[in-house]
C-alpha atoms as a PDB file:
ATOM      1  CA  MET A   1     137.785  66.911 159.278  1.00  0.00           C
ATOM      2  CA  TYR A   2     134.403  66.180 157.350  1.00  0.00           C
ATOM      3  CA  LEU A   3     132.180  63.363 158.304  1.00  0.00           C
ATOM      4  CA  LEU A   4     129.347  62.589 155.476  1.00  0.00           C
ATOM      5  CA  LEU A   5     126.396  61.314 157.295  1.00  0.00           C
ATOM      6  CA  PRO A   6     123.273  59.798 155.303  1.00  0.00           C
ATOM      7  CA  MET A   7     119.989  61.474 157.083  1.00  0.00           C
ATOM      8  CA  ASP A   8     116.281  60.723 157.152  1.00  0.00           C
ATOM      9  CA  SER A   9     116.200  64.217 157.638  1.00  0.00           C
ATOM     10  CA  GLU A  10     117.522  67.825 157.994  1.00  0.00           C
ATOM     11  CA  ASP A  11     116.326  68.687 162.111  1.00  0.00           C
ATOM     12  CA  VAL A  12     119.902  68.342 163.311  1.00  0.00           C
ATOM     13  CA  GLN A  13     117.526  67.478 166.503  1.00  0.00           C
ATOM     14  CA  GLU A  14     115.376  64.461 165.396  1.00  0.00           C
ATOM     15  CA  ALA A  15     117.573  63.325 162.448  1.00  0.00           C
ATOM     16  CA  LYS A  16     118.363  59.637 162.330  1.00  0.00           C
ATOM     17  CA  LEU A  17     121.455  57.938 159.988  1.00  0.00           C
ATOM     18  CA  THR A  18     120.299  55.887 157.878  1.00  0.00           C
ATOM     19  CA  LYS A  19     120.634  53.361 154.842  1.00  0.00           C
ATOM     20  CA  ILE A  20     122.625  54.597 151.898  1.00  0.00           C
ATOM     21  CA  ASN A  21     119.750  54.068 149.896  1.00  0.00           C
ATOM     22  CA  ASP A  22     116.898  55.865 152.240  1.00  0.00           C
ATOM     23  CA  ALA A  23     118.824  58.899 152.586  1.00  0.00           C
ATOM     24  CA  LYS A  24     116.617  62.112 152.079  1.00  0.00           C
ATOM     25  CA  VAL A  25     119.467  64.170 152.622  1.00  0.00           C
ATOM     26  CA  TRP A  26     123.148  63.762 153.320  1.00  0.00           C
ATOM     27  CA  ALA A  27     124.847  65.488 156.200  1.00  0.00           C
ATOM     28  CA  GLN A  28     128.637  66.656 156.374  1.00  0.00           C
ATOM     29  CA  LEU A  29     129.666  67.533 159.643  1.00  0.00           C
ATOM     30  CA  VAL A  30     132.557  69.568 159.991  1.00  0.00           C
ATOM     31  CA  VAL A  31     134.260  68.614 163.579  1.00  0.00           C
ATOM     32  CA  GLU A  32     137.212  70.820 164.757  1.00  0.00           C
ATOM     33  CA  ASP A  33     138.695  70.294 168.369  1.00  0.00           C
ATOM     34  CA  GLY A  34     136.395  67.461 169.301  1.00  0.00           C
ATOM     35  CA  GLU A  35     133.097  69.814 167.978  1.00  0.00           C
ATOM     36  CA  VAL A  36     131.044  70.060 165.398  1.00  0.00           C
ATOM     37  CA  VAL A  37     131.563  73.730 164.099  1.00  0.00           C
ATOM     38  CA  GLU A  38     128.918  73.705 160.992  1.00  0.00           C
ATOM     39  CA  ILE A  39     126.815  71.134 159.711  1.00  0.00           C
ATOM     40  CA  ASN A  40     125.888  70.939 155.758  1.00  0.00           C
ATOM     41  CA  HIS A  41     122.665  69.545 153.681  1.00  0.00           C
ATOM     42  CA  ALA A  42     122.693  68.156 150.177  1.00  0.00           C
ATOM     43  CA  LYS A  43     120.397  66.127 148.716  1.00  0.00           C
ATOM     44  CA  ASP A  44     123.245  64.071 146.981  1.00  0.00           C
ATOM     45  CA  TRP A  45     126.673  63.446 148.297  1.00  0.00           C
ATOM     46  CA  THR A  46     128.646  64.406 145.607  1.00  0.00           C
ATOM     47  CA  GLU A  47     127.469  68.326 146.383  1.00  0.00           C
ATOM     48  CA  PHE A  48     129.495  69.660 149.195  1.00  0.00           C
ATOM     49  CA  GLU A  49     132.485  72.151 147.946  1.00  0.00           C
ATOM     50  CA  ASN A  50     134.560  69.970 150.152  1.00  0.00           C
ATOM     51  CA  PHE A  51     136.024  66.462 150.671  1.00  0.00           C
ATOM     52  CA  SER A  52     134.652  64.311 152.851  1.00  0.00           C
ATOM     53  CA  GLU A  53     137.341  62.329 155.275  1.00  0.00           C
ATOM     54  CA  TYR A  54     134.723  59.588 156.500  1.00  0.00           C
ATOM     55  CA  VAL A  55     131.402  58.491 155.717  1.00  0.00           C
ATOM     56  CA  VAL A  56     129.164  56.853 158.532  1.00  0.00           C
ATOM     57  CA  VAL A  57     127.282  54.144 157.481  1.00  0.00           C
ATOM     58  CA  CYS A  58     124.515  51.958 159.916  1.00  0.00           C
ATOM     59  CA  ASP A  59     125.640  48.496 158.762  1.00  0.00           C
ATOM     60  CA  ASP A  60     128.720  46.385 156.853  1.00  0.00           C
ATOM     61  CA  SER A  61     126.112  45.915 154.322  1.00  0.00           C
ATOM     62  CA  GLU A  62     125.795  48.860 152.346  1.00  0.00           C
ATOM     63  CA  TYR A  63     127.127  49.424 149.092  1.00  0.00           C
ATOM     64  CA  VAL A  64     130.344  51.654 149.962  1.00  0.00           C
ATOM     65  CA  TRP A  65     132.627  51.481 146.802  1.00  0.00           C
ATOM     66  CA  PRO A  66     131.799  54.829 145.568  1.00  0.00           C
ATOM     67  CA  PHE A  67     133.236  56.381 148.983  1.00  0.00           C
ATOM     68  CA  ILE A  68     136.186  53.759 148.393  1.00  0.00           C
ATOM     69  CA  GLU A  69     136.312  55.266 145.271  1.00  0.00           C
ATOM     70  CA  TYR A  70     137.124  58.902 146.528  1.00  0.00           C
ATOM     71  CA  ASN A  71     139.494  57.206 148.976  1.00  0.00           C
ATOM     72  CA  MET A  72     136.782  57.928 152.045  1.00  0.00           C
ATOM     73  CA  LEU A  73     137.180  55.307 155.420  1.00  0.00           C
ATOM     74  CA  VAL A  74     134.178  53.961 155.993  1.00  0.00           C
ATOM     75  CA  LEU A  75     133.159  53.916 159.369  1.00  0.00           C
ATOM     76  CA  VAL A  76     130.291  51.955 160.577  1.00  0.00           C
ATOM     77  CA  ALA A  77     127.756  53.460 163.362  1.00  0.00           C
ATOM     78  CA  HIS A  78     126.172  49.817 164.655  1.00  0.00           C
ATOM     79  CA  THR A  79     124.251  51.357 167.703  1.00  0.00           C
ATOM     80  CA  GLN A  80     124.271  55.372 167.095  1.00  0.00           C
ATOM     81  CA  ARG A  81     121.601  57.294 165.021  1.00  0.00           C
ATOM     82  CA  TYR A  82     121.788  60.718 166.013  1.00  0.00           C
ATOM     83  CA  ILE A  83     124.437  63.161 165.263  1.00  0.00           C
ATOM     84  CA  ASP A  84     125.220  64.125 168.881  1.00  0.00           C
ATOM     85  CA  ASP A  85     125.550  60.234 169.544  1.00  0.00           C
ATOM     86  CA  ILE A  86     127.627  59.581 166.181  1.00  0.00           C
ATOM     87  CA  VAL A  87     130.049  62.482 166.825  1.00  0.00           C
ATOM     88  CA  GLU A  88     130.638  61.050 170.476  1.00  0.00           C
ATOM     89  CA  ALA A  89     131.343  57.778 168.909  1.00  0.00           C
ATOM     90  CA  TYR A  90     133.696  58.693 166.564  1.00  0.00           C
ATOM     91  CA  LEU A  91     135.812  61.095 168.948  1.00  0.00           C
ATOM     92  CA  PHE A  92     136.040  58.455 171.312  1.00  0.00           C
ATOM     93  CA  LYS A  93     136.772  55.879 168.544  1.00  0.00           C
ATOM     94  CA  GLU A  94     134.013  53.478 169.043  1.00  0.00           C
ATOM     95  CA  LEU A  95     133.104  53.821 165.365  1.00  0.00           C
ATOM     96  CA  HIS A  96     134.278  50.611 163.485  1.00  0.00           C
ATOM     97  CA  GLU A  97     135.962  50.706 160.162  1.00  0.00           C
ATOM     98  CA  LEU A  98     134.200  48.592 157.565  1.00  0.00           C
ATOM     99  CA  ALA A  99     134.965  44.946 157.314  1.00  0.00           C
ATOM    100  CA  TYR A 100     135.476  44.067 154.030  1.00  0.00           C
END
């Protein structure tokens, strides 16, 4: 499965989830069997070779229609900001679907 995240840096340990318009880089996480097996980075979310099933955003007020048009499920990480926290919240179903 592929998770798409707008991040403020490519540094995997220090990068934080940021608002879509403030994203300096996009991270695409490949999650298999509850583990992150690969992290890819791109300047724009459309540059990834593989299709992302989910996009994770900071809050409900983000403009997410481009992702919805690509049939991505939008998840909101209200308190999680670091990659490890986001993946853990995803696995334990603590990320919420966007309220339209």
